[in-house]
C-alpha cells in the first residue's frame, strides 16, 4: 500500500538533491502509487517522437517524474524548503508549513 503524500498538484516545491538541486517549480502531476511527482522545468529528458500521420515527429524535451523524497514544499513566506504538518482550522484539516506556521492549502 502506498503512503499518503503531503505534496499535491499545484504546490510550489524546491528540489533538494540531484542535478536540479535548488530549483523551484510547480507540481504538474502527482503519482502517489510510485511516490513521484512531475515538477515544471525540472528533471528534463529528451524523448524521440516517431513521425505519424498527424505529427511530424522529432526530439522533444519533457519533464520526467522525480521521487517525492527529493523535493520539499516551498515556504509561502520566503520560498525556502519546509516540512509539512497538519492542523485543524475550525472543522477543516489543513496543511501548514512547519518553518513559518503559514497555511499552505488554498
N, C-alpha and C. Protein backbone atom coordinates (compact mmCIF):
# COMPACT_ATOMS: atom_id res chain seq x y z
N UNK A 1 0.84 -1.18 0.00
CA UNK A 1 0.00 0.00 0.00
C UNK A 1 0.89 1.24 0.00
N UNK A 2 0.57 2.21 -0.84
CA UNK A 2 1.37 3.44 -0.95
C UNK A 2 1.06 4.37 0.21
N UNK A 3 2.11 5.03 0.72
CA UNK A 3 1.92 6.03 1.76
C UNK A 3 1.23 7.24 1.17
N UNK A 4 0.50 7.98 2.01
CA UNK A 4 -0.11 9.21 1.50
C UNK A 4 0.98 10.27 1.37
N UNK A 5 0.91 11.05 0.31
CA UNK A 5 1.92 12.07 0.05
C UNK A 5 1.42 13.42 0.53
N UNK A 6 2.33 14.22 1.07
CA UNK A 6 1.97 15.55 1.56
C UNK A 6 2.13 16.61 0.48
N UNK A 7 2.60 16.21 -0.70
CA UNK A 7 2.78 17.13 -1.83
C UNK A 7 1.71 16.82 -2.86
N UNK A 8 1.04 17.88 -3.31
CA UNK A 8 -0.08 17.72 -4.24
C UNK A 8 0.13 18.53 -5.51
N UNK A 9 -0.70 18.27 -6.50
CA UNK A 9 -0.67 19.02 -7.75
C UNK A 9 -0.91 20.50 -7.46
N UNK A 10 -0.11 21.36 -8.09
CA UNK A 10 -0.27 22.80 -7.90
C UNK A 10 0.62 23.39 -6.82
N UNK A 11 1.27 22.54 -6.01
CA UNK A 11 2.16 23.03 -4.96
C UNK A 11 3.45 23.58 -5.55
N UNK A 12 4.02 24.56 -4.90
CA UNK A 12 5.34 25.09 -5.27
C UNK A 12 6.38 24.33 -4.45
N UNK A 13 7.36 23.70 -5.13
CA UNK A 13 8.34 22.87 -4.44
C UNK A 13 9.76 23.29 -4.79
N UNK A 14 10.70 22.90 -3.92
CA UNK A 14 12.13 23.14 -4.10
C UNK A 14 12.79 21.76 -4.22
N UNK A 15 13.68 21.60 -5.21
CA UNK A 15 14.40 20.33 -5.39
C UNK A 15 15.57 20.32 -4.41
N UNK A 16 15.70 19.22 -3.65
CA UNK A 16 16.71 19.12 -2.60
C UNK A 16 17.99 18.43 -3.07
N UNK A 17 17.89 17.49 -4.00
CA UNK A 17 19.06 16.74 -4.44
C UNK A 17 19.03 16.52 -5.95
N UNK A 18 20.17 16.13 -6.49
CA UNK A 18 20.27 15.79 -7.90
C UNK A 18 20.77 16.95 -8.74
N UNK A 19 20.69 16.76 -10.05
CA UNK A 19 21.25 17.75 -10.98
C UNK A 19 20.50 19.08 -10.95
N UNK A 20 19.26 19.08 -10.51
CA UNK A 20 18.44 20.30 -10.46
C UNK A 20 18.32 20.86 -9.04
N UNK A 21 19.27 20.52 -8.16
CA UNK A 21 19.22 20.95 -6.76
C UNK A 21 19.08 22.48 -6.66
N UNK A 22 18.14 22.93 -5.83
CA UNK A 22 17.94 24.36 -5.60
C UNK A 22 16.89 24.99 -6.50
N UNK A 23 16.50 24.31 -7.58
CA UNK A 23 15.50 24.88 -8.49
C UNK A 23 14.11 24.71 -7.91
N UNK A 24 13.23 25.65 -8.25
CA UNK A 24 11.85 25.58 -7.78
C UNK A 24 10.93 25.43 -8.98
N UNK A 25 9.76 24.90 -8.72
CA UNK A 25 8.77 24.75 -9.78
C UNK A 25 7.45 24.30 -9.20
N UNK A 26 6.45 24.28 -10.06
CA UNK A 26 5.11 23.87 -9.66
C UNK A 26 4.91 22.40 -9.99
N UNK A 27 4.23 21.67 -9.12
CA UNK A 27 3.94 20.27 -9.36
C UNK A 27 2.85 20.17 -10.42
N UNK A 28 3.18 19.51 -11.55
CA UNK A 28 2.23 19.35 -12.64
C UNK A 28 1.36 18.11 -12.45
N UNK A 29 1.99 17.03 -11.98
CA UNK A 29 1.27 15.78 -11.75
C UNK A 29 1.81 15.12 -10.49
N UNK A 30 0.94 14.42 -9.80
CA UNK A 30 1.33 13.66 -8.62
C UNK A 30 1.06 12.19 -8.91
N UNK A 31 2.05 11.34 -8.66
CA UNK A 31 1.92 9.90 -8.91
C UNK A 31 2.08 9.16 -7.58
N UNK A 32 1.00 9.07 -6.78
CA UNK A 32 1.12 8.53 -5.42
C UNK A 32 1.53 7.06 -5.36
N UNK A 33 1.11 6.26 -6.33
CA UNK A 33 1.46 4.83 -6.28
C UNK A 33 2.97 4.62 -6.44
N UNK A 34 3.62 5.48 -7.25
CA UNK A 34 5.07 5.38 -7.43
C UNK A 34 5.83 6.31 -6.48
N UNK A 35 5.11 7.11 -5.70
CA UNK A 35 5.68 8.11 -4.80
C UNK A 35 6.57 9.08 -5.56
N UNK A 36 6.08 9.59 -6.68
CA UNK A 36 6.82 10.52 -7.52
C UNK A 36 5.94 11.71 -7.90
N UNK A 37 6.59 12.81 -8.26
CA UNK A 37 5.89 14.00 -8.75
C UNK A 37 6.59 14.50 -10.00
N UNK A 38 5.84 15.17 -10.88
CA UNK A 38 6.40 15.81 -12.06
C UNK A 38 6.40 17.31 -11.79
N UNK A 39 7.59 17.92 -11.82
CA UNK A 39 7.75 19.33 -11.49
C UNK A 39 8.08 20.10 -12.76
N UNK A 40 7.43 21.23 -12.96
CA UNK A 40 7.60 22.04 -14.16
C UNK A 40 9.04 22.52 -14.30
N UNK A 41 9.67 22.19 -15.43
CA UNK A 41 11.02 22.65 -15.74
C UNK A 41 12.14 21.93 -15.01
N UNK A 42 11.84 20.85 -14.30
CA UNK A 42 12.84 20.12 -13.52
C UNK A 42 12.94 18.69 -14.04
N UNK A 43 14.15 18.13 -14.04
CA UNK A 43 14.42 16.75 -14.47
C UNK A 43 14.00 16.55 -15.93
N UNK A 44 14.48 17.45 -16.78
CA UNK A 44 14.14 17.40 -18.20
C UNK A 44 14.90 16.27 -18.90
N UNK A 45 14.18 15.50 -19.72
CA UNK A 45 14.79 14.42 -20.50
C UNK A 45 14.39 14.59 -21.96
N UNK A 46 15.20 14.02 -22.87
CA UNK A 46 14.85 14.09 -24.29
C UNK A 46 14.07 12.85 -24.67
N UNK A 47 13.03 13.05 -25.45
CA UNK A 47 12.17 11.96 -25.89
C UNK A 47 12.09 12.02 -27.41
N UNK A 48 12.40 10.92 -28.07
CA UNK A 48 12.34 10.85 -29.53
C UNK A 48 10.94 10.42 -29.94
N UNK A 49 10.29 11.25 -30.76
CA UNK A 49 8.91 11.01 -31.18
C UNK A 49 8.93 10.48 -32.62
N UNK A 50 8.27 9.34 -32.82
CA UNK A 50 8.19 8.75 -34.16
C UNK A 50 7.20 9.53 -35.02
N UNK A 51 7.53 9.82 -36.27
CA UNK A 51 6.57 10.51 -37.14
C UNK A 51 5.33 9.66 -37.38
N UNK A 52 4.18 10.32 -37.45
CA UNK A 52 2.92 9.62 -37.75
C UNK A 52 2.12 10.48 -38.71
N UNK A 53 0.94 10.04 -39.04
CA UNK A 53 0.09 10.78 -39.98
C UNK A 53 -0.31 12.14 -39.43
N UNK A 54 -0.44 12.25 -38.10
CA UNK A 54 -0.89 13.51 -37.51
C UNK A 54 0.24 14.41 -37.04
N UNK A 55 1.41 13.84 -36.72
CA UNK A 55 2.52 14.66 -36.24
C UNK A 55 3.79 14.40 -37.02
N UNK A 56 4.67 15.40 -37.01
CA UNK A 56 5.90 15.32 -37.79
C UNK A 56 6.96 14.46 -37.10
N UNK A 57 6.95 14.40 -35.79
CA UNK A 57 7.97 13.66 -35.07
C UNK A 57 9.13 14.58 -34.71
N UNK A 58 10.20 14.02 -34.18
CA UNK A 58 11.36 14.80 -33.81
C UNK A 58 11.80 14.51 -32.38
N UNK A 59 12.51 15.45 -31.78
CA UNK A 59 13.02 15.28 -30.43
C UNK A 59 12.36 16.32 -29.53
N UNK A 60 11.70 15.84 -28.48
CA UNK A 60 11.03 16.71 -27.51
C UNK A 60 11.77 16.66 -26.18
N UNK A 61 11.67 17.73 -25.42
CA UNK A 61 12.19 17.74 -24.05
C UNK A 61 10.98 17.80 -23.11
N UNK A 62 10.89 16.79 -22.25
CA UNK A 62 9.75 16.72 -21.32
C UNK A 62 10.27 16.54 -19.90
N UNK A 63 9.40 16.81 -18.92
CA UNK A 63 9.74 16.62 -17.51
C UNK A 63 9.52 15.15 -17.15
N UNK A 64 10.51 14.55 -16.50
CA UNK A 64 10.38 13.19 -16.01
C UNK A 64 10.01 13.24 -14.53
N UNK A 65 9.34 12.20 -14.03
CA UNK A 65 8.99 12.19 -12.61
C UNK A 65 10.23 12.18 -11.72
N UNK A 66 10.11 12.79 -10.56
CA UNK A 66 11.19 12.83 -9.57
C UNK A 66 10.61 12.31 -8.26
N UNK A 67 11.43 11.58 -7.50
CA UNK A 67 10.93 10.98 -6.26
C UNK A 67 10.54 12.07 -5.27
N UNK A 68 9.46 11.81 -4.55
CA UNK A 68 8.90 12.81 -3.65
C UNK A 68 9.85 13.14 -2.49
N UNK A 69 10.76 12.23 -2.16
CA UNK A 69 11.72 12.49 -1.08
C UNK A 69 12.78 13.50 -1.50
N UNK A 70 12.91 13.76 -2.80
CA UNK A 70 13.92 14.70 -3.30
C UNK A 70 13.39 16.12 -3.47
N UNK A 71 12.14 16.35 -3.09
CA UNK A 71 11.57 17.70 -3.17
C UNK A 71 10.95 18.05 -1.82
N UNK A 72 10.83 19.35 -1.56
CA UNK A 72 10.17 19.84 -0.35
C UNK A 72 9.31 21.04 -0.72
N UNK A 73 8.23 21.21 0.00
CA UNK A 73 7.34 22.34 -0.23
C UNK A 73 8.12 23.64 0.01
N UNK A 74 7.89 24.63 -0.85
CA UNK A 74 8.49 25.96 -0.65
C UNK A 74 7.62 26.73 0.35
N UNK A 75 8.26 27.30 1.35
CA UNK A 75 7.55 28.06 2.37
C UNK A 75 6.84 29.24 1.71
N UNK A 76 5.54 29.42 1.96
CA UNK A 76 4.81 30.54 1.34
C UNK A 76 5.38 31.91 1.71
N UNK A 77 6.04 32.01 2.85
CA UNK A 77 6.55 33.30 3.31
C UNK A 77 7.82 33.71 2.57
N UNK A 78 8.83 32.80 2.49
CA UNK A 78 10.11 33.20 1.89
C UNK A 78 10.65 32.25 0.82
N UNK A 79 9.95 31.17 0.50
CA UNK A 79 10.36 30.28 -0.58
C UNK A 79 11.40 29.25 -0.20
N UNK A 80 11.81 29.20 1.06
CA UNK A 80 12.79 28.20 1.50
C UNK A 80 12.09 26.85 1.69
N UNK A 81 12.84 25.74 1.58
CA UNK A 81 12.20 24.43 1.76
C UNK A 81 11.72 24.24 3.19
N UNK A 82 10.56 23.61 3.33
CA UNK A 82 9.98 23.38 4.65
C UNK A 82 9.28 22.03 4.67
N UNK A 83 9.08 21.52 5.87
CA UNK A 83 8.29 20.31 6.03
C UNK A 83 6.82 20.70 6.16
N UNK A 84 5.94 19.71 6.03
CA UNK A 84 4.51 19.96 6.05
C UNK A 84 3.90 19.30 7.27
N UNK A 85 3.00 20.02 7.93
CA UNK A 85 2.25 19.46 9.04
C UNK A 85 0.76 19.63 8.78
N UNK A 86 -0.03 19.00 9.62
CA UNK A 86 -1.48 19.11 9.52
C UNK A 86 -2.03 19.68 10.82
N UNK A 87 -3.06 20.51 10.71
CA UNK A 87 -3.75 21.01 11.90
C UNK A 87 -5.20 21.27 11.53
N UNK A 88 -6.02 21.41 12.54
CA UNK A 88 -7.44 21.67 12.32
C UNK A 88 -7.68 23.17 12.32
N UNK A 89 -8.37 23.64 11.28
CA UNK A 89 -8.74 25.04 11.16
C UNK A 89 -10.26 25.09 11.21
N UNK A 90 -10.78 25.25 12.40
CA UNK A 90 -12.23 25.13 12.59
C UNK A 90 -12.60 23.66 12.48
N UNK A 91 -13.41 23.31 11.50
CA UNK A 91 -13.78 21.91 11.30
C UNK A 91 -13.09 21.31 10.07
N UNK A 92 -12.07 22.02 9.55
CA UNK A 92 -11.33 21.59 8.35
C UNK A 92 -9.90 21.22 8.70
N UNK A 93 -9.40 20.13 8.11
CA UNK A 93 -8.00 19.74 8.29
C UNK A 93 -7.19 20.42 7.19
N UNK A 94 -6.16 21.20 7.55
CA UNK A 94 -5.37 21.94 6.57
C UNK A 94 -3.89 21.61 6.73
N UNK A 95 -3.13 21.80 5.65
CA UNK A 95 -1.68 21.64 5.69
C UNK A 95 -1.05 22.99 6.04
N UNK A 96 0.05 22.94 6.80
CA UNK A 96 0.76 24.18 7.12
C UNK A 96 2.26 23.95 7.04
N UNK A 97 3.00 25.05 6.79
CA UNK A 97 4.45 24.99 6.71
C UNK A 97 5.01 24.97 8.13
N UNK A 98 5.80 23.97 8.46
CA UNK A 98 6.35 23.86 9.81
C UNK A 98 7.36 24.98 10.09
N UNK A 99 7.98 25.51 9.06
CA UNK A 99 9.02 26.53 9.23
C UNK A 99 8.42 27.86 9.69
N UNK A 100 7.32 28.29 9.05
CA UNK A 100 6.75 29.59 9.38
C UNK A 100 5.37 29.49 10.05
N UNK A 101 4.72 28.34 9.94
CA UNK A 101 3.39 28.17 10.52
C UNK A 101 2.26 28.63 9.62
N UNK A 102 2.59 29.09 8.40
CA UNK A 102 1.55 29.57 7.48
C UNK A 102 0.80 28.41 6.85
N UNK A 103 -0.48 28.60 6.59
CA UNK A 103 -1.32 27.58 5.96
C UNK A 103 -0.98 27.50 4.48
N UNK A 104 -0.81 26.26 3.98
CA UNK A 104 -0.46 26.04 2.57
C UNK A 104 -1.70 25.88 1.73
N UNK A 105 -2.71 25.17 2.23
CA UNK A 105 -3.94 24.93 1.46
C UNK A 105 -4.62 26.23 1.11
N UNK A 106 -5.28 26.21 -0.04
CA UNK A 106 -5.97 27.39 -0.51
C UNK A 106 -7.21 27.65 0.29
